[in-house]
Amino acid sequence: MTAAVTAQQAVRGRNTISSRAVRRVVSAVTAEELGVRASEVSVDLSDARGDLTVIASAPIHVSPLGVDARRHGTVLERLSRAQSTIRERCLHLTGSTITRVDLHITGAQLDERRRVS
C-alpha cells in the first residue's frame, strides 16, 4: 500500500550555510551598496547568543564635487541605507538574521573627470 505524503506529514529538514558563505554574501552585498569591488571588502562576523553582527571594512565610491554629488544623498545617508539593505538582503539570501552592521570606511574612490579636447 502506498500513501501520499501531505505537506503536514513531510519531514522537515534544515539547511546550514557556512560562515564562509555568509561572509562572501555579505561582502558582495556590501560592495554593491558602496560601489566598489567585493575583493575590496573585508568582513568579520560574530555570533553572540544567536545575534549575528557584521563588521565590514571597505572604501566607498563617491562622485566628485559638483558632479551628481548629492544625487544619492550624503555619505552618511548612503551608509545608513547600506546598513539596512545589507541586513535585509542577507536575510533574504542566506536566512541569517543580522542584528547589527558596522561599516568602517577605509577610503573614498572618486571618478576622475576627463577633459574633453
C-alpha atoms as a PDB file:
ATOM      1  CA  MET A   1       0.000   0.000   0.000  1.00  0.00           C
ATOM      2  CA  THR A   2       1.356   3.441  -0.907  1.00  0.00           C
ATOM      3  CA  ALA A   3       0.378   6.593   0.825  1.00  0.00           C
ATOM      4  CA  ALA A   4       0.605  10.121  -0.458  1.00  0.00           C
ATOM      5  CA  VAL A   5       2.697  12.351   1.757  1.00  0.00           C
ATOM      6  CA  THR A   6       0.967  15.595   2.590  1.00  0.00           C
ATOM      7  CA  ALA A   7       2.788  18.783   3.462  1.00  0.00           C
ATOM      8  CA  GLN A   8       1.982  18.241   7.143  1.00  0.00           C
ATOM      9  CA  GLN A   9       3.397  14.705   7.115  1.00  0.00           C
ATOM     10  CA  ALA A  10       6.614  15.582   5.334  1.00  0.00           C
ATOM     11  CA  VAL A  11       9.748  15.502   7.411  1.00  0.00           C
ATOM     12  CA  ARG A  12      11.187  18.947   7.556  1.00  0.00           C
ATOM     13  CA  GLY A  13      14.880  19.406   7.084  1.00  0.00           C
ATOM     14  CA  ARG A  14      17.276  22.166   7.777  1.00  0.00           C
ATOM     15  CA  ASN A  15      19.843  23.892   5.606  1.00  0.00           C
ATOM     16  CA  THR A  16      23.061  25.096   7.115  1.00  0.00           C
ATOM     17  CA  ILE A  17      25.054  27.827   5.438  1.00  0.00           C
ATOM     18  CA  SER A  18      28.712  28.036   6.419  1.00  0.00           C
ATOM     19  CA  SER A  19      30.127  31.201   7.896  1.00  0.00           C
ATOM     20  CA  ARG A  20      32.427  31.455   4.860  1.00  0.00           C
ATOM     21  CA  ALA A  21      29.417  31.518   2.523  1.00  0.00           C
ATOM     22  CA  VAL A  22      27.644  34.126   4.663  1.00  0.00           C
ATOM     23  CA  ARG A  23      30.836  36.214   4.712  1.00  0.00           C
ATOM     24  CA  ARG A  24      31.040  36.112   0.897  1.00  0.00           C
ATOM     25  CA  VAL A  25      27.377  37.090   0.520  1.00  0.00           C
ATOM     26  CA  VAL A  26      27.827  39.982   2.966  1.00  0.00           C
ATOM     27  CA  SER A  27      30.955  41.047   1.084  1.00  0.00           C
ATOM     28  CA  ALA A  28      29.156  41.041  -2.283  1.00  0.00           C
ATOM     29  CA  VAL A  29      26.110  42.913  -0.960  1.00  0.00           C
ATOM     30  CA  THR A  30      28.298  45.477   0.816  1.00  0.00           C
ATOM     31  CA  ALA A  31      30.423  46.005  -2.297  1.00  0.00           C
ATOM     32  CA  GLU A  32      27.338  46.590  -4.413  1.00  0.00           C
ATOM     33  CA  GLU A  33      25.937  49.098  -1.928  1.00  0.00           C
ATOM     34  CA  LEU A  34      29.193  51.044  -1.653  1.00  0.00           C
ATOM     35  CA  GLY A  35      30.006  50.901  -5.371  1.00  0.00           C
ATOM     36  CA  VAL A  36      33.290  49.011  -5.039  1.00  0.00           C
ATOM     37  CA  ARG A  37      34.620  45.527  -5.886  1.00  0.00           C
ATOM     38  CA  ALA A  38      33.884  42.647  -3.489  1.00  0.00           C
ATOM     39  CA  SER A  39      37.623  41.981  -3.249  1.00  0.00           C
ATOM     40  CA  GLU A  40      37.985  45.407  -1.577  1.00  0.00           C
ATOM     41  CA  VAL A  41      35.581  44.498   1.232  1.00  0.00           C
ATOM     42  CA  SER A  42      36.757  42.824   4.432  1.00  0.00           C
ATOM     43  CA  VAL A  43      34.039  41.196   6.560  1.00  0.00           C
ATOM     44  CA  ASP A  44      34.130  39.933  10.146  1.00  0.00           C
ATOM     45  CA  LEU A  45      31.165  38.037  11.580  1.00  0.00           C
ATOM     46  CA  SER A  46      30.429  37.409  15.216  1.00  0.00           C
ATOM     47  CA  ASP A  47      27.636  35.444  16.804  1.00  0.00           C
ATOM     48  CA  ALA A  48      26.596  36.213  20.359  1.00  0.00           C
ATOM     49  CA  ARG A  49      23.705  34.030  21.559  1.00  0.00           C
ATOM     50  CA  GLY A  50      22.213  33.882  18.079  1.00  0.00           C
ATOM     51  CA  ASP A  51      22.676  37.569  17.282  1.00  0.00           C
ATOM     52  CA  LEU A  52      24.826  37.915  14.159  1.00  0.00           C
ATOM     53  CA  THR A  53      26.937  41.058  13.970  1.00  0.00           C
ATOM     54  CA  VAL A  54      28.714  42.189  10.797  1.00  0.00           C
ATOM     55  CA  ILE A  55      31.753  44.441  10.715  1.00  0.00           C
ATOM     56  CA  ALA A  56      32.620  45.380   7.138  1.00  0.00           C
ATOM     57  CA  SER A  57      35.620  47.489   6.134  1.00  0.00           C
ATOM     58  CA  ALA A  58      35.732  48.958   2.644  1.00  0.00           C
ATOM     59  CA  PRO A  59      36.221  52.123   0.612  1.00  0.00           C
ATOM     60  CA  ILE A  60      33.155  53.932  -0.700  1.00  0.00           C
ATOM     61  CA  HIS A  61      32.626  55.196  -4.224  1.00  0.00           C
ATOM     62  CA  VAL A  62      31.807  58.914  -4.359  1.00  0.00           C
ATOM     63  CA  SER A  63      31.263  61.347  -7.193  1.00  0.00           C
ATOM     64  CA  PRO A  64      33.485  64.434  -7.443  1.00  0.00           C
ATOM     65  CA  LEU A  65      32.032  67.632  -6.023  1.00  0.00           C
ATOM     66  CA  GLY A  66      29.645  69.311  -8.393  1.00  0.00           C
ATOM     67  CA  VAL A  67      29.007  66.168 -10.468  1.00  0.00           C
ATOM     68  CA  ASP A  68      25.875  64.400  -9.195  1.00  0.00           C
ATOM     69  CA  ALA A  69      27.425  64.646  -5.751  1.00  0.00           C
ATOM     70  CA  ARG A  70      24.092  64.866  -3.962  1.00  0.00           C
ATOM     71  CA  ARG A  71      22.034  62.691  -6.300  1.00  0.00           C
ATOM     72  CA  HIS A  72      22.157  59.691  -3.977  1.00  0.00           C
ATOM     73  CA  GLY A  73      22.390  61.639  -0.728  1.00  0.00           C
ATOM     74  CA  THR A  74      25.224  62.441   1.613  1.00  0.00           C
ATOM     75  CA  VAL A  75      27.789  59.824   2.536  1.00  0.00           C
ATOM     76  CA  LEU A  76      26.118  59.375   5.937  1.00  0.00           C
ATOM     77  CA  GLU A  77      22.697  58.875   4.325  1.00  0.00           C
ATOM     78  CA  ARG A  78      24.168  56.335   1.899  1.00  0.00           C
ATOM     79  CA  LEU A  79      25.849  54.438   4.736  1.00  0.00           C
ATOM     80  CA  SER A  80      22.648  54.345   6.765  1.00  0.00           C
ATOM     81  CA  ARG A  81      20.740  52.961   3.763  1.00  0.00           C
ATOM     82  CA  ALA A  82      23.550  50.489   3.115  1.00  0.00           C
ATOM     83  CA  GLN A  83      23.301  49.125   6.663  1.00  0.00           C
ATOM     84  CA  SER A  84      19.573  48.469   6.251  1.00  0.00           C
ATOM     85  CA  THR A  85      19.992  46.974   2.788  1.00  0.00           C
ATOM     86  CA  ILE A  86      22.813  44.684   3.911  1.00  0.00           C
ATOM     87  CA  ARG A  87      20.659  43.435   6.788  1.00  0.00           C
ATOM     88  CA  GLU A  88      17.593  42.840   4.588  1.00  0.00           C
ATOM     89  CA  ARG A  89      19.317  41.301   1.549  1.00  0.00           C
ATOM     90  CA  CYS A  90      21.494  38.967   3.610  1.00  0.00           C
ATOM     91  CA  LEU A  91      18.409  37.729   5.460  1.00  0.00           C
ATOM     92  CA  HIS A  92      16.711  37.117   2.117  1.00  0.00           C
ATOM     93  CA  LEU A  93      19.747  35.416   0.533  1.00  0.00           C
ATOM     94  CA  THR A  94      21.050  33.356   3.470  1.00  0.00           C
ATOM     95  CA  GLY A  95      18.271  33.221   6.046  1.00  0.00           C
ATOM     96  CA  SER A  96      20.690  34.675   8.609  1.00  0.00           C
ATOM     97  CA  THR A  97      19.321  37.433  10.808  1.00  0.00           C
ATOM     98  CA  ILE A  98      21.841  40.219  11.231  1.00  0.00           C
ATOM     99  CA  THR A  99      21.155  42.377  14.263  1.00  0.00           C
ATOM    100  CA  ARG A 100      23.959  44.878  13.747  1.00  0.00           C
ATOM    101  CA  VAL A 101      26.002  46.140  10.791  1.00  0.00           C
ATOM    102  CA  ASP A 102      29.081  48.274  11.425  1.00  0.00           C
ATOM    103  CA  LEU A 103      30.633  49.853   8.342  1.00  0.00           C
ATOM    104  CA  HIS A 104      34.231  51.038   8.578  1.00  0.00           C
ATOM    105  CA  ILE A 105      35.069  53.218   5.603  1.00  0.00           C
ATOM    106  CA  THR A 106      38.726  52.857   4.644  1.00  0.00           C
ATOM    107  CA  GLY A 107      38.823  55.426   1.848  1.00  0.00           C
ATOM    108  CA  ALA A 108      36.980  57.079  -0.997  1.00  0.00           C
ATOM    109  CA  GLN A 109      37.110  56.152  -4.644  1.00  0.00           C
ATOM    110  CA  LEU A 110      36.468  59.070  -6.961  1.00  0.00           C
ATOM    111  CA  ASP A 111      35.522  59.018 -10.610  1.00  0.00           C
ATOM    112  CA  GLU A 112      38.116  61.125 -12.316  1.00  0.00           C
ATOM    113  CA  ARG A 113      36.875  63.841 -14.597  1.00  0.00           C
ATOM    114  CA  ARG A 114      38.134  63.574 -18.130  1.00  0.00           C
ATOM    115  CA  ARG A 115      38.858  66.675 -20.092  1.00  0.00           C
ATOM    116  CA  VAL A 116      37.217  66.972 -23.449  1.00  0.00           C
ATOM    117  CA  SER A 117      39.677  68.174 -26.074  1.00  0.00           C
END
